[in-house]
């Protein structure tokens, strides 16, 4: 969560899995959860469509995305920062 102008805004860190669309990237965010009965940890994944104004993110980059107003039908997130580039 980030506090911007007194509002709580969601921020996630994830991996870019698709960047073929113009100014749009698909970011996969992983969360570790615990099963309520068996107490076993498991990973849940969710994809978010994010706006990338400069087409700067590449597949495999670790990026930070932030919640924003709706940009299109599926895009409600914007790219804030590229944290890490792949080792290639």
PDB file of N, CA and C in Angstrom:
ATOM      1  N   UNK A   1       0.837  -1.182   0.000  1.00  0.00           N
ATOM      2  CA  UNK A   1       0.000   0.000   0.000  1.00  0.00           C
ATOM      3  C   UNK A   1       0.880   1.241   0.000  1.00  0.00           C
ATOM      4  N   UNK A   2       0.487   2.164  -0.820  1.00  0.00           N
ATOM      5  CA  UNK A   2       1.154   3.458  -0.845  1.00  0.00           C
ATOM      6  C   UNK A   2       0.135   4.521  -0.485  1.00  0.00           C
ATOM      7  N   UNK A   3       0.562   5.528   0.218  1.00  0.00           N
ATOM      8  CA  UNK A   3      -0.331   6.624   0.564  1.00  0.00           C
ATOM      9  C   UNK A   3       0.033   7.810  -0.314  1.00  0.00           C
ATOM     10  N   UNK A   4      -0.875   8.144  -1.234  1.00  0.00           N
ATOM     11  CA  UNK A   4      -0.660   9.238  -2.166  1.00  0.00           C
ATOM     12  C   UNK A   4      -1.837  10.200  -2.025  1.00  0.00           C
ATOM     13  N   UNK A   5      -1.541  11.441  -1.700  1.00  0.00           N
ATOM     14  CA  UNK A   5      -2.558  12.474  -1.473  1.00  0.00           C
ATOM     15  C   UNK A   5      -3.579  12.032  -0.435  1.00  0.00           C
ATOM     16  N   UNK A   6      -3.134  11.325   0.590  1.00  0.00           N
ATOM     17  CA  UNK A   6      -4.005  10.894   1.666  1.00  0.00           C
ATOM     18  C   UNK A   6      -4.861   9.690   1.346  1.00  0.00           C
ATOM     19  N   UNK A   7      -4.607   9.005   0.229  1.00  0.00           N
ATOM     20  CA  UNK A   7      -5.397   7.838  -0.161  1.00  0.00           C
ATOM     21  C   UNK A   7      -4.511   6.600  -0.146  1.00  0.00           C
ATOM     22  N   UNK A   8      -5.075   5.478   0.303  1.00  0.00           N
ATOM     23  CA  UNK A   8      -4.364   4.201   0.248  1.00  0.00           C
ATOM     24  C   UNK A   8      -4.502   3.630  -1.157  1.00  0.00           C
ATOM     25  N   UNK A   9      -3.391   3.426  -1.829  1.00  0.00           N
ATOM     26  CA  UNK A   9      -3.390   2.908  -3.192  1.00  0.00           C
ATOM     27  C   UNK A   9      -2.584   1.624  -3.209  1.00  0.00           C
ATOM     28  N   UNK A  10      -3.138   0.582  -3.840  1.00  0.00           N
ATOM     29  CA  UNK A  10      -2.486  -0.723  -3.874  1.00  0.00           C
ATOM     30  C   UNK A  10      -1.284  -0.693  -4.805  1.00  0.00           C
ATOM     31  N   UNK A  11      -0.221  -1.386  -4.390  1.00  0.00           N
ATOM     32  CA  UNK A  11       0.962  -1.582  -5.219  1.00  0.00           C
ATOM     33  C   UNK A  11       1.365  -3.039  -5.137  1.00  0.00           C
ATOM     34  N   UNK A  12       1.755  -3.612  -6.268  1.00  0.00           N
ATOM     35  CA  UNK A  12       2.204  -4.995  -6.314  1.00  0.00           C
ATOM     36  C   UNK A  12       3.536  -5.071  -7.042  1.00  0.00           C
ATOM     37  N   UNK A  13       4.302  -6.110  -6.719  1.00  0.00           N
ATOM     38  CA  UNK A  13       5.541  -6.418  -7.429  1.00  0.00           C
ATOM     39  C   UNK A  13       5.342  -7.749  -8.105  1.00  0.00           C
ATOM     40  N   UNK A  14       5.645  -7.808  -9.414  1.00  0.00           N
ATOM     41  CA  UNK A  14       5.441  -9.049 -10.156  1.00  0.00           C
ATOM     42  C   UNK A  14       6.369  -9.136 -11.349  1.00  0.00           C
ATOM     43  N   UNK A  15       6.201 -10.218 -12.106  1.00  0.00           N
ATOM     44  CA  UNK A  15       7.039 -10.501 -13.268  1.00  0.00           C
ATOM     45  C   UNK A  15       6.244 -10.262 -14.548  1.00  0.00           C
ATOM     46  N   UNK A  16       6.864  -9.626 -15.536  1.00  0.00           N
ATOM     47  CA  UNK A  16       6.220  -9.376 -16.824  1.00  0.00           C
ATOM     48  C   UNK A  16       6.183 -10.689 -17.600  1.00  0.00           C
ATOM     49  N   UNK A  17       4.983 -11.117 -18.004  1.00  0.00           N
ATOM     50  CA  UNK A  17       4.838 -12.367 -18.754  1.00  0.00           C
ATOM     51  C   UNK A  17       4.438 -12.125 -20.203  1.00  0.00           C
ATOM     52  N   UNK A  18       3.997 -10.892 -20.532  1.00  0.00           N
ATOM     53  CA  UNK A  18       3.604 -10.588 -21.908  1.00  0.00           C
ATOM     54  C   UNK A  18       3.754  -9.101 -22.150  1.00  0.00           C
ATOM     55  N   UNK A  19       4.320  -8.745 -23.306  1.00  0.00           N
ATOM     56  CA  UNK A  19       4.433  -7.330 -23.660  1.00  0.00           C
ATOM     57  C   UNK A  19       4.173  -7.098 -25.139  1.00  0.00           C
ATOM     58  N   UNK A  20       3.417  -7.973 -25.778  1.00  0.00           N
ATOM     59  CA  UNK A  20       3.218  -7.881 -27.223  1.00  0.00           C
ATOM     60  C   UNK A  20       2.253  -6.762 -27.626  1.00  0.00           C
ATOM     61  N   UNK A  21       1.386  -6.337 -26.736  1.00  0.00           N
ATOM     62  CA  UNK A  21       0.468  -5.242 -27.060  1.00  0.00           C
ATOM     63  C   UNK A  21       1.177  -3.897 -26.910  1.00  0.00           C
ATOM     64  N   UNK A  22       0.691  -2.887 -27.644  1.00  0.00           N
ATOM     65  CA  UNK A  22       1.292  -1.568 -27.580  1.00  0.00           C
ATOM     66  C   UNK A  22       0.890  -0.878 -26.278  1.00  0.00           C
ATOM     67  N   UNK A  23       1.881  -0.426 -25.507  1.00  0.00           N
ATOM     68  CA  UNK A  23       1.706   0.285 -24.236  1.00  0.00           C
ATOM     69  C   UNK A  23       0.971  -0.534 -23.179  1.00  0.00           C
ATOM     70  N   UNK A  24       0.994  -1.851 -23.291  1.00  0.00           N
ATOM     71  CA  UNK A  24       0.343  -2.724 -22.317  1.00  0.00           C
ATOM     72  C   UNK A  24       1.256  -3.888 -21.985  1.00  0.00           C
ATOM     73  N   UNK A  25       1.342  -4.215 -20.693  1.00  0.00           N
ATOM     74  CA  UNK A  25       2.082  -5.397 -20.264  1.00  0.00           C
ATOM     75  C   UNK A  25       1.167  -6.227 -19.370  1.00  0.00           C
ATOM     76  N   UNK A  26       1.426  -7.529 -19.359  1.00  0.00           N
ATOM     77  CA  UNK A  26       0.727  -8.429 -18.439  1.00  0.00           C
ATOM     78  C   UNK A  26       1.712  -8.794 -17.338  1.00  0.00           C
ATOM     79  N   UNK A  27       1.328  -8.555 -16.091  1.00  0.00           N
ATOM     80  CA  UNK A  27       2.190  -8.785 -14.942  1.00  0.00           C
ATOM     81  C   UNK A  27       1.569  -9.889 -14.088  1.00  0.00           C
ATOM     82  N   UNK A  28       2.367 -10.911 -13.767  1.00  0.00           N
ATOM     83  CA  UNK A  28       1.903 -11.999 -12.922  1.00  0.00           C
ATOM     84  C   UNK A  28       2.419 -11.782 -11.506  1.00  0.00           C
ATOM     85  N   UNK A  29       1.486 -11.701 -10.552  1.00  0.00           N
ATOM     86  CA  UNK A  29       1.814 -11.455  -9.157  1.00  0.00           C
ATOM     87  C   UNK A  29       1.562 -12.738  -8.378  1.00  0.00           C
ATOM     88  N   UNK A  30       2.557 -13.152  -7.572  1.00  0.00           N
ATOM     89  CA  UNK A  30       2.436 -14.372  -6.772  1.00  0.00           C
ATOM     90  C   UNK A  30       2.193 -14.009  -5.312  1.00  0.00           C
ATOM     91  N   UNK A  31       1.274 -14.742  -4.669  1.00  0.00           N
ATOM     92  CA  UNK A  31       1.000 -14.589  -3.250  1.00  0.00           C
ATOM     93  C   UNK A  31       1.120 -15.946  -2.584  1.00  0.00           C
ATOM     94  N   UNK A  32       1.728 -16.003  -1.418  1.00  0.00           N
ATOM     95  CA  UNK A  32       1.829 -17.234  -0.649  1.00  0.00           C
ATOM     96  C   UNK A  32       0.703 -17.239   0.373  1.00  0.00           C
ATOM     97  N   UNK A  33      -0.102 -18.290   0.333  1.00  0.00           N
ATOM     98  CA  UNK A  33      -1.227 -18.422   1.252  1.00  0.00           C
ATOM     99  C   UNK A  33      -1.070 -19.703   2.060  1.00  0.00           C
ATOM    100  N   UNK A  34      -1.818 -19.804   3.159  1.00  0.00           N
ATOM    101  CA  UNK A  34      -1.803 -20.992   4.008  1.00  0.00           C
ATOM    102  C   UNK A  34      -3.197 -21.597   3.979  1.00  0.00           C
ATOM    103  N   UNK A  35      -3.266 -22.910   3.717  1.00  0.00           N
ATOM    104  CA  UNK A  35      -4.550 -23.604   3.691  1.00  0.00           C
ATOM    105  C   UNK A  35      -5.139 -23.616   5.100  1.00  0.00           C
ATOM    106  N   UNK A  36      -6.440 -23.282   5.254  1.00  0.00           N
ATOM    107  CA  UNK A  36      -7.001 -23.151   6.598  1.00  0.00           C
ATOM    108  C   UNK A  36      -7.093 -24.468   7.371  1.00  0.00           C
ATOM    109  N   UNK A  37      -7.246 -25.591   6.692  1.00  0.00           N
ATOM    110  CA  UNK A  37      -7.382 -26.871   7.387  1.00  0.00           C
ATOM    111  C   UNK A  37      -6.051 -27.603   7.520  1.00  0.00           C
ATOM    112  N   UNK A  38      -5.289 -27.655   6.436  1.00  0.00           N
ATOM    113  CA  UNK A  38      -4.067 -28.461   6.423  1.00  0.00           C
ATOM    114  C   UNK A  38      -2.808 -27.672   6.780  1.00  0.00           C
ATOM    115  N   UNK A  39      -2.919 -26.360   6.918  1.00  0.00           N
ATOM    116  CA  UNK A  39      -1.788 -25.498   7.277  1.00  0.00           C
ATOM    117  C   UNK A  39      -0.593 -25.666   6.349  1.00  0.00           C
ATOM    118  N   UNK A  40      -0.861 -25.979   5.103  1.00  0.00           N
ATOM    119  CA  UNK A  40       0.205 -26.107   4.112  1.00  0.00           C
ATOM    120  C   UNK A  40       0.234 -24.834   3.271  1.00  0.00           C
ATOM    121  N   UNK A  41       1.440 -24.358   3.002  1.00  0.00           N
ATOM    122  CA  UNK A  41       1.580 -23.160   2.182  1.00  0.00           C
ATOM    123  C   UNK A  41       1.453 -23.514   0.713  1.00  0.00           C
ATOM    124  N   UNK A  42       0.834 -22.623  -0.051  1.00  0.00           N
ATOM    125  CA  UNK A  42       0.743 -22.787  -1.493  1.00  0.00           C
ATOM    126  C   UNK A  42       0.806 -21.412  -2.140  1.00  0.00           C
ATOM    127  N   UNK A  43       1.140 -21.399  -3.429  1.00  0.00           N
ATOM    128  CA  UNK A  43       1.317 -20.148  -4.160  1.00  0.00           C
ATOM    129  C   UNK A  43       0.116 -19.944  -5.068  1.00  0.00           C
ATOM    130  N   UNK A  44      -0.501 -18.774  -4.965  1.00  0.00           N
ATOM    131  CA  UNK A  44      -1.559 -18.400  -5.898  1.00  0.00           C
ATOM    132  C   UNK A  44      -1.019 -17.297  -6.799  1.00  0.00           C
ATOM    133  N   UNK A  45      -1.408 -17.336  -8.068  1.00  0.00           N
ATOM    134  CA  UNK A  45      -0.923 -16.368  -9.046  1.00  0.00           C
ATOM    135  C   UNK A  45      -2.105 -15.650  -9.678  1.00  0.00           C
ATOM    136  N   UNK A  46      -1.903 -14.380  -9.996  1.00  0.00           N
ATOM    137  CA  UNK A  46      -2.932 -13.603 -10.670  1.00  0.00           C
ATOM    138  C   UNK A  46      -2.264 -12.666 -11.666  1.00  0.00           C
ATOM    139  N   UNK A  47      -2.884 -12.492 -12.838  1.00  0.00           N
ATOM    140  CA  UNK A  47      -2.349 -11.608 -13.862  1.00  0.00           C
ATOM    141  C   UNK A  47      -3.087 -10.285 -13.857  1.00  0.00           C
ATOM    142  N   UNK A  48      -2.331  -9.210 -14.047  1.00  0.00           N
ATOM    143  CA  UNK A  48      -2.890  -7.868 -14.143  1.00  0.00           C
ATOM    144  C   UNK A  48      -2.402  -7.237 -15.443  1.00  0.00           C
ATOM    145  N   UNK A  49      -3.284  -6.512 -16.113  1.00  0.00           N
ATOM    146  CA  UNK A  49      -2.909  -5.744 -17.295  1.00  0.00           C
ATOM    147  C   UNK A  49      -2.512  -4.351 -16.822  1.00  0.00           C
ATOM    148  N   UNK A  50      -1.310  -3.911 -17.192  1.00  0.00           N
ATOM    149  CA  UNK A  50      -0.803  -2.621 -16.725  1.00  0.00           C
ATOM    150  C   UNK A  50      -0.408  -1.744 -17.911  1.00  0.00           C
ATOM    151  N   UNK A  51      -0.520  -0.440 -17.721  1.00  0.00           N
ATOM    152  CA  UNK A  51      -0.179   0.535 -18.756  1.00  0.00           C
ATOM    153  C   UNK A  51       1.305   0.864 -18.682  1.00  0.00           C
ATOM    154  N   UNK A  52       1.999   0.701 -19.808  1.00  0.00           N
ATOM    155  CA  UNK A  52       3.429   0.992 -19.922  1.00  0.00           C
ATOM    156  C   UNK A  52       3.599   2.052 -21.005  1.00  0.00           C
ATOM    157  N   UNK A  53       3.660   3.306 -20.608  1.00  0.00           N
ATOM    158  CA  UNK A  53       3.630   4.418 -21.551  1.00  0.00           C
ATOM    159  C   UNK A  53       4.776   4.376 -22.562  1.00  0.00           C
ATOM    160  N   UNK A  54       5.984   4.007 -22.120  1.00  0.00           N
ATOM    161  CA  UNK A  54       7.158   4.067 -23.000  1.00  0.00           C
ATOM    162  C   UNK A  54       7.546   2.722 -23.592  1.00  0.00           C
ATOM    163  N   UNK A  55       6.746   1.681 -23.394  1.00  0.00           N
ATOM    164  CA  UNK A  55       7.070   0.320 -23.848  1.00  0.00           C
ATOM    165  C   UNK A  55       8.466  -0.092 -23.369  1.00  0.00           C
ATOM    166  N   UNK A  56       8.787   0.196 -22.117  1.00  0.00           N
ATOM    167  CA  UNK A  56      10.133  -0.042 -21.603  1.00  0.00           C
ATOM    168  C   UNK A  56      10.291  -1.407 -20.947  1.00  0.00           C
ATOM    169  N   UNK A  57       9.214  -2.044 -20.511  1.00  0.00           N
ATOM    170  CA  UNK A  57       9.310  -3.332 -19.814  1.00  0.00           C
ATOM    171  C   UNK A  57       9.414  -4.475 -20.812  1.00  0.00           C
ATOM    172  N   UNK A  58      10.278  -5.421 -20.507  1.00  0.00           N
ATOM    173  CA  UNK A  58      10.462  -6.607 -21.337  1.00  0.00           C
ATOM    174  C   UNK A  58      10.038  -7.848 -20.560  1.00  0.00           C
ATOM    175  N   UNK A  59       9.835  -8.951 -21.269  1.00  0.00           N
ATOM    176  CA  UNK A  59       9.428 -10.202 -20.623  1.00  0.00           C
ATOM    177  C   UNK A  59      10.528 -10.646 -19.668  1.00  0.00           C
ATOM    178  N   UNK A  60      10.135 -11.003 -18.455  1.00  0.00           N
ATOM    179  CA  UNK A  60      11.084 -11.453 -17.446  1.00  0.00           C
ATOM    180  C   UNK A  60      11.484 -10.382 -16.453  1.00  0.00           C
ATOM    181  N   UNK A  61      11.188  -9.120 -16.738  1.00  0.00           N
ATOM    182  CA  UNK A  61      11.519  -8.047 -15.803  1.00  0.00           C
ATOM    183  C   UNK A  61      10.655  -8.148 -14.553  1.00  0.00           C
ATOM    184  N   UNK A  62      11.236  -7.766 -13.412  1.00  0.00           N
ATOM    185  CA  UNK A  62      10.481  -7.635 -12.178  1.00  0.00           C
ATOM    186  C   UNK A  62      10.071  -6.165 -12.088  1.00  0.00           C
ATOM    187  N   UNK A  63       8.759  -5.911 -11.984  1.00  0.00           N
ATOM    188  CA  UNK A  63       8.261  -4.542 -12.034  1.00  0.00           C
ATOM    189  C   UNK A  63       7.332  -4.262 -10.858  1.00  0.00           C
ATOM    190  N   UNK A  64       7.134  -2.978 -10.583  1.00  0.00           N
ATOM    191  CA  UNK A  64       6.172  -2.542  -9.569  1.00  0.00           C
ATOM    192  C   UNK A  64       5.030  -1.856 -10.307  1.00  0.00           C
ATOM    193  N   UNK A  65       3.785  -2.260  -9.980  1.00  0.00           N
ATOM    194  CA  UNK A  65       2.615  -1.658 -10.596  1.00  0.00           C
ATOM    195  C   UNK A  65       1.754  -1.022  -9.506  1.00  0.00           C
ATOM    196  N   UNK A  66       0.994   0.000  -9.892  1.00  0.00           N
ATOM    197  CA  UNK A  66       0.162   0.741  -8.944  1.00  0.00           C
ATOM    198  C   UNK A  66      -1.246   0.865  -9.507  1.00  0.00           C
ATOM    199  N   UNK A  67      -2.223   0.799  -8.624  1.00  0.00           N
ATOM    200  CA  UNK A  67      -3.624   0.946  -8.996  1.00  0.00           C
ATOM    201  C   UNK A  67      -3.873   2.363  -9.507  1.00  0.00           C
ATOM    202  N   UNK A  68      -4.710   2.495 -10.547  1.00  0.00           N
ATOM    203  CA  UNK A  68      -5.030   3.813 -11.088  1.00  0.00           C
ATOM    204  C   UNK A  68      -6.476   3.817 -11.575  1.00  0.00           C
ATOM    205  N   UNK A  69      -6.878   4.909 -12.141  1.00  0.00           N
ATOM    206  CA  UNK A  69      -8.228   4.963 -12.708  1.00  0.00           C
ATOM    207  C   UNK A  69      -8.277   4.078 -13.957  1.00  0.00           C
ATOM    208  N   UNK A  70      -9.451   3.621 -14.364  1.00  0.00           N
ATOM    209  CA  UNK A  70      -9.543   2.753 -15.540  1.00  0.00           C
ATOM    210  C   UNK A  70      -9.022   3.433 -16.798  1.00  0.00           C
ATOM    211  N   UNK A  71      -8.127   2.721 -17.498  1.00  0.00           N
ATOM    212  CA  UNK A  71      -7.542   3.240 -18.730  1.00  0.00           C
ATOM    213  C   UNK A  71      -8.248   2.631 -19.935  1.00  0.00           C
ATOM    214  N   UNK A  72      -8.614   1.367 -19.839  1.00  0.00           N
ATOM    215  CA  UNK A  72      -9.373   0.683 -20.882  1.00  0.00           C
ATOM    216  C   UNK A  72     -10.238  -0.378 -20.203  1.00  0.00           C
ATOM    217  N   UNK A  73     -10.749  -1.310 -20.987  1.00  0.00           N
ATOM    218  CA  UNK A  73     -11.655  -2.317 -20.434  1.00  0.00           C
ATOM    219  C   UNK A  73     -10.993  -3.144 -19.338  1.00  0.00           C
ATOM    220  N   UNK A  74      -9.726  -3.535 -19.517  1.00  0.00           N
ATOM    221  CA  UNK A  74      -9.051  -4.393 -18.551  1.00  0.00           C
ATOM    222  C   UNK A  74      -7.930  -3.706 -17.787  1.00  0.00           C
ATOM    223  N   UNK A  75      -7.441  -2.571 -18.261  1.00  0.00           N
ATOM    224  CA  UNK A  75      -6.292  -1.922 -17.620  1.00  0.00           C
ATOM    225  C   UNK A  75      -6.732  -0.981 -16.508  1.00  0.00           C
ATOM    226  N   UNK A  76      -6.356  -1.330 -15.271  1.00  0.00           N
ATOM    227  CA  UNK A  76      -6.596  -0.483 -14.108  1.00  0.00           C
ATOM    228  C   UNK A  76      -5.311  -0.277 -13.313  1.00  0.00           C
ATOM    229  N   UNK A  77      -4.167  -0.591 -13.916  1.00  0.00           N
ATOM    230  CA  UNK A  77      -2.872  -0.513 -13.243  1.00  0.00           C
ATOM    231  C   UNK A  77      -1.894   0.205 -14.151  1.00  0.00           C
ATOM    232  N   UNK A  78      -0.909   0.877 -13.547  1.00  0.00           N
ATOM    233  CA  UNK A  78       0.136   1.544 -14.315  1.00  0.00           C
ATOM    234  C   UNK A  78       1.497   1.057 -13.833  1.00  0.00           C
ATOM    235  N   UNK A  79       2.453   1.051 -14.736  1.00  0.00           N
ATOM    236  CA  UNK A  79       3.827   0.671 -14.406  1.00  0.00           C
ATOM    237  C   UNK A  79       4.479   1.819 -13.659  1.00  0.00           C
ATOM    238  N   UNK A  80       5.051   1.498 -12.473  1.00  0.00           N
ATOM    239  CA  UNK A  80       5.713   2.525 -11.677  1.00  0.00           C
ATOM    240  C   UNK A  80       7.218   2.467 -11.875  1.00  0.00           C
ATOM    241  N   UNK A  81       7.789   1.257 -11.809  1.00  0.00           N
ATOM    242  CA  UNK A  81       9.234   1.126 -11.820  1.00  0.00           C
ATOM    243  C   UNK A  81       9.634  -0.261 -12.290  1.00  0.00           C
ATOM    244  N   UNK A  82      10.756  -0.340 -12.991  1.00  0.00           N
ATOM    245  CA  UNK A  82      11.353  -1.644 -13.321  1.00  0.00           C
ATOM    246  C   UNK A  82      12.406  -1.905 -12.255  1.00  0.00           C
ATOM    247  N   UNK A  83      12.189  -2.942 -11.445  1.00  0.00           N
ATOM    248  CA  UNK A  83      13.066  -3.216 -10.315  1.00  0.00           C
ATOM    249  C   UNK A  83      14.291  -4.010 -10.742  1.00  0.00           C
ATOM    250  N   UNK A  84      14.079  -5.047 -11.560  1.00  0.00           N
ATOM    251  CA  UNK A  84      15.194  -5.913 -11.948  1.00  0.00           C
ATOM    252  C   UNK A  84      14.987  -6.403 -13.365  1.00  0.00           C
ATOM    253  N   UNK A  85      16.075  -6.400 -14.132  1.00  0.00           N
ATOM    254  CA  UNK A  85      16.030  -6.914 -15.498  1.00  0.00           C
ATOM    255  C   UNK A  85      16.552  -8.350 -15.490  1.00  0.00           C
ATOM    256  N   UNK A  86      16.173  -9.172 -16.485  1.00  0.00           N
ATOM    257  CA  UNK A  86      16.643 -10.570 -16.487  1.00  0.00           C
ATOM    258  C   UNK A  86      18.159 -10.665 -16.637  1.00  0.00           C
ATOM    259  N   UNK A  87      18.701 -11.806 -16.275  1.00  0.00           N
ATOM    260  CA  UNK A  87      20.151 -12.000 -16.256  1.00  0.00           C
ATOM    261  C   UNK A  87      20.764 -12.282 -17.619  1.00  0.00           C
ATOM    262  N   UNK A  88      19.994 -12.218 -18.686  1.00  0.00           N
ATOM    263  CA  UNK A  88      20.536 -12.539 -20.011  1.00  0.00           C
ATOM    264  C   UNK A  88      21.378 -11.439 -20.581  1.00  0.00           C
TER     265      UNK A  88
END
